[in-house]
Amino acid sequence: TWCSVTRMLVPMLSVRAAEMSVRVYYTTVTGSREVKSQQSEVIRVMDGKGIKYEMIDIAQNHSLKEEMRTKSGNPQALPPQIFNGEQHCGGYEDFVEAVETSDVRKFLKLD
């Protein structure tokens, strides 16, 4: 029946919507090899785990860098910074810790 199909689809749509709200603030313009390496690692891990995300390039507009710093609560925050919706998940070090403890989905607030 239509109701049973709806009950099956709604949880799948909710998961997809949550995953689509994961945002990674990064930069295409940096002289820092460390920042480039960290950004690449975050992308590699998320792609490897099949996690959907949106990339936001703070080099495109100074206001995006300020937005990233304001939302993270750190006026000195450097990319990559990871969010789920408006919630700050953390930066690179937090992400690596989540990878090492196999808690990436929890870190990203997907579970």
C-alpha atoms as a PDB file:
ATOM      1  CA  THR A   1       0.000   0.000   0.000  1.00  0.00           C
ATOM      2  CA  TRP A   2       0.993   3.647  -0.362  1.00  0.00           C
ATOM      3  CA  CYS A   3       1.400   4.058   3.425  1.00  0.00           C
ATOM      4  CA  SER A   4       3.889   1.193   3.686  1.00  0.00           C
ATOM      5  CA  VAL A   5       5.925   2.626   0.784  1.00  0.00           C
ATOM      6  CA  THR A   6       5.933   6.037   2.453  1.00  0.00           C
ATOM      7  CA  ARG A   7       7.111   4.534   5.753  1.00  0.00           C
ATOM      8  CA  MET A   8      10.016   2.905   3.910  1.00  0.00           C
ATOM      9  CA  LEU A   9      11.004   6.022   1.944  1.00  0.00           C
ATOM     10  CA  VAL A  10      10.811   8.668   4.681  1.00  0.00           C
ATOM     11  CA  PRO A  11      13.757   7.304   6.715  1.00  0.00           C
ATOM     12  CA  MET A  12      15.871   7.030   3.539  1.00  0.00           C
ATOM     13  CA  LEU A  13      15.032  10.609   2.573  1.00  0.00           C
ATOM     14  CA  SER A  14      15.860  11.808   6.086  1.00  0.00           C
ATOM     15  CA  VAL A  15      19.306  10.194   5.929  1.00  0.00           C
ATOM     16  CA  ARG A  16      19.974  11.694   2.510  1.00  0.00           C
ATOM     17  CA  ALA A  17      18.834  15.126   3.691  1.00  0.00           C
ATOM     18  CA  ALA A  18      21.106  14.905   6.749  1.00  0.00           C
ATOM     19  CA  GLU A  19      24.061  13.827   4.646  1.00  0.00           C
ATOM     20  CA  MET A  20      23.444  16.614   2.151  1.00  0.00           C
ATOM     21  CA  SER A  21      23.645  19.154   4.972  1.00  0.00           C
ATOM     22  CA  VAL A  22      27.264  18.215   5.717  1.00  0.00           C
ATOM     23  CA  ARG A  23      29.418  21.131   4.608  1.00  0.00           C
ATOM     24  CA  VAL A  24      33.183  21.373   4.373  1.00  0.00           C
ATOM     25  CA  TYR A  25      34.622  24.871   4.337  1.00  0.00           C
ATOM     26  CA  TYR A  26      37.911  24.769   2.433  1.00  0.00           C
ATOM     27  CA  THR A  27      40.096  27.039   0.342  1.00  0.00           C
ATOM     28  CA  THR A  28      41.469  26.759  -3.166  1.00  0.00           C
ATOM     29  CA  VAL A  29      43.963  29.540  -2.436  1.00  0.00           C
ATOM     30  CA  THR A  30      46.559  28.705   0.189  1.00  0.00           C
ATOM     31  CA  GLY A  31      50.314  28.606   0.390  1.00  0.00           C
ATOM     32  CA  SER A  32      50.114  26.110   3.233  1.00  0.00           C
ATOM     33  CA  ARG A  33      50.918  22.526   2.312  1.00  0.00           C
ATOM     34  CA  GLU A  34      49.494  21.491   5.659  1.00  0.00           C
ATOM     35  CA  VAL A  35      46.064  23.017   4.903  1.00  0.00           C
ATOM     36  CA  LYS A  36      46.051  21.466   1.399  1.00  0.00           C
ATOM     37  CA  SER A  37      46.966  18.067   2.829  1.00  0.00           C
ATOM     38  CA  GLN A  38      44.340  18.269   5.560  1.00  0.00           C
ATOM     39  CA  GLN A  39      41.610  19.261   3.107  1.00  0.00           C
ATOM     40  CA  SER A  40      42.562  16.398   0.785  1.00  0.00           C
ATOM     41  CA  GLU A  41      42.473  13.909   3.653  1.00  0.00           C
ATOM     42  CA  VAL A  42      38.986  14.993   4.761  1.00  0.00           C
ATOM     43  CA  ILE A  43      37.690  14.687   1.193  1.00  0.00           C
ATOM     44  CA  ARG A  44      39.397  11.321   0.660  1.00  0.00           C
ATOM     45  CA  VAL A  45      37.927   9.827   3.840  1.00  0.00           C
ATOM     46  CA  MET A  46      34.410  11.167   3.257  1.00  0.00           C
ATOM     47  CA  ASP A  47      34.422   9.976  -0.357  1.00  0.00           C
ATOM     48  CA  GLY A  48      35.727   6.576   0.767  1.00  0.00           C
ATOM     49  CA  LYS A  49      32.892   6.260   3.273  1.00  0.00           C
ATOM     50  CA  GLY A  50      30.298   7.377   0.719  1.00  0.00           C
ATOM     51  CA  ILE A  51      29.327  10.431   2.755  1.00  0.00           C
ATOM     52  CA  LYS A  52      27.689  13.179   0.725  1.00  0.00           C
ATOM     53  CA  TYR A  53      28.809  16.720   1.440  1.00  0.00           C
ATOM     54  CA  GLU A  54      28.922  20.217   0.029  1.00  0.00           C
ATOM     55  CA  MET A  55      32.227  22.022  -0.467  1.00  0.00           C
ATOM     56  CA  ILE A  56      32.295  25.747   0.330  1.00  0.00           C
ATOM     57  CA  ASP A  57      35.361  27.583  -0.972  1.00  0.00           C
ATOM     58  CA  ILE A  58      36.166  30.470   1.362  1.00  0.00           C
ATOM     59  CA  ALA A  59      38.548  31.891  -1.267  1.00  0.00           C
ATOM     60  CA  GLN A  60      35.525  32.843  -3.385  1.00  0.00           C
ATOM     61  CA  ASN A  61      34.358  35.506  -0.975  1.00  0.00           C
ATOM     62  CA  HIS A  62      35.828  37.011   2.206  1.00  0.00           C
ATOM     63  CA  SER A  63      32.400  36.836   3.850  1.00  0.00           C
ATOM     64  CA  LEU A  64      32.498  33.018   3.575  1.00  0.00           C
ATOM     65  CA  LYS A  65      35.715  32.951   5.620  1.00  0.00           C
ATOM     66  CA  GLU A  66      34.090  35.162   8.259  1.00  0.00           C
ATOM     67  CA  GLU A  67      30.979  32.944   8.178  1.00  0.00           C
ATOM     68  CA  MET A  68      33.145  29.839   8.752  1.00  0.00           C
ATOM     69  CA  ARG A  69      34.924  31.487  11.681  1.00  0.00           C
ATOM     70  CA  THR A  70      31.732  32.836  13.246  1.00  0.00           C
ATOM     71  CA  LYS A  71      29.889  29.522  12.960  1.00  0.00           C
ATOM     72  CA  SER A  72      32.854  27.598  14.388  1.00  0.00           C
ATOM     73  CA  GLY A  73      33.131  30.000  17.319  1.00  0.00           C
ATOM     74  CA  ASN A  74      36.832  30.522  16.589  1.00  0.00           C
ATOM     75  CA  PRO A  75      37.952  33.828  15.049  1.00  0.00           C
ATOM     76  CA  GLN A  76      41.249  32.176  14.034  1.00  0.00           C
ATOM     77  CA  ALA A  77      39.762  28.969  12.533  1.00  0.00           C
ATOM     78  CA  LEU A  78      41.498  27.651   9.432  1.00  0.00           C
ATOM     79  CA  PRO A  79      40.028  25.321   6.844  1.00  0.00           C
ATOM     80  CA  PRO A  80      38.964  22.626   6.701  1.00  0.00           C
ATOM     81  CA  GLN A  81      36.043  23.227   9.047  1.00  0.00           C
ATOM     82  CA  ILE A  82      33.159  20.768   8.967  1.00  0.00           C
ATOM     83  CA  PHE A  83      29.499  21.458   9.736  1.00  0.00           C
ATOM     84  CA  ASN A  84      26.209  19.597   9.638  1.00  0.00           C
ATOM     85  CA  GLY A  85      23.660  22.261   8.870  1.00  0.00           C
ATOM     86  CA  GLU A  86      24.419  25.079  11.279  1.00  0.00           C
ATOM     87  CA  GLN A  87      26.130  22.787  13.805  1.00  0.00           C
ATOM     88  CA  HIS A  88      29.918  22.893  13.904  1.00  0.00           C
ATOM     89  CA  CYS A  89      31.327  19.358  13.934  1.00  0.00           C
ATOM     90  CA  GLY A  90      34.964  20.407  14.167  1.00  0.00           C
ATOM     91  CA  GLY A  91      38.152  20.993  12.280  1.00  0.00           C
ATOM     92  CA  TYR A  92      40.785  18.661  10.927  1.00  0.00           C
ATOM     93  CA  GLU A  93      42.150  17.425  14.276  1.00  0.00           C
ATOM     94  CA  ASP A  94      38.653  16.543  15.503  1.00  0.00           C
ATOM     95  CA  PHE A  95      37.930  14.778  12.207  1.00  0.00           C
ATOM     96  CA  VAL A  96      41.120  12.687  12.440  1.00  0.00           C
ATOM     97  CA  GLU A  97      40.255  11.671  15.990  1.00  0.00           C
ATOM     98  CA  ALA A  98      36.805  10.547  14.797  1.00  0.00           C
ATOM     99  CA  VAL A  99      38.383   8.539  11.959  1.00  0.00           C
ATOM    100  CA  GLU A 100      40.786   6.839  14.378  1.00  0.00           C
ATOM    101  CA  THR A 101      37.940   5.879  16.728  1.00  0.00           C
ATOM    102  CA  SER A 102      35.620   4.869  13.848  1.00  0.00           C
ATOM    103  CA  ASP A 103      33.121   7.546  14.892  1.00  0.00           C
ATOM    104  CA  VAL A 104      32.998   9.603  11.678  1.00  0.00           C
ATOM    105  CA  ARG A 105      29.217   9.404  11.260  1.00  0.00           C
ATOM    106  CA  LYS A 106      28.741  10.380  14.919  1.00  0.00           C
ATOM    107  CA  PHE A 107      31.243  13.234  14.525  1.00  0.00           C
ATOM    108  CA  LEU A 108      29.300  14.461  11.475  1.00  0.00           C
ATOM    109  CA  LYS A 109      26.064  14.233  13.500  1.00  0.00           C
ATOM    110  CA  LEU A 110      24.594  11.740  11.035  1.00  0.00           C
ATOM    111  CA  ASP A 111      23.796   9.062  13.640  1.00  0.00           C
END
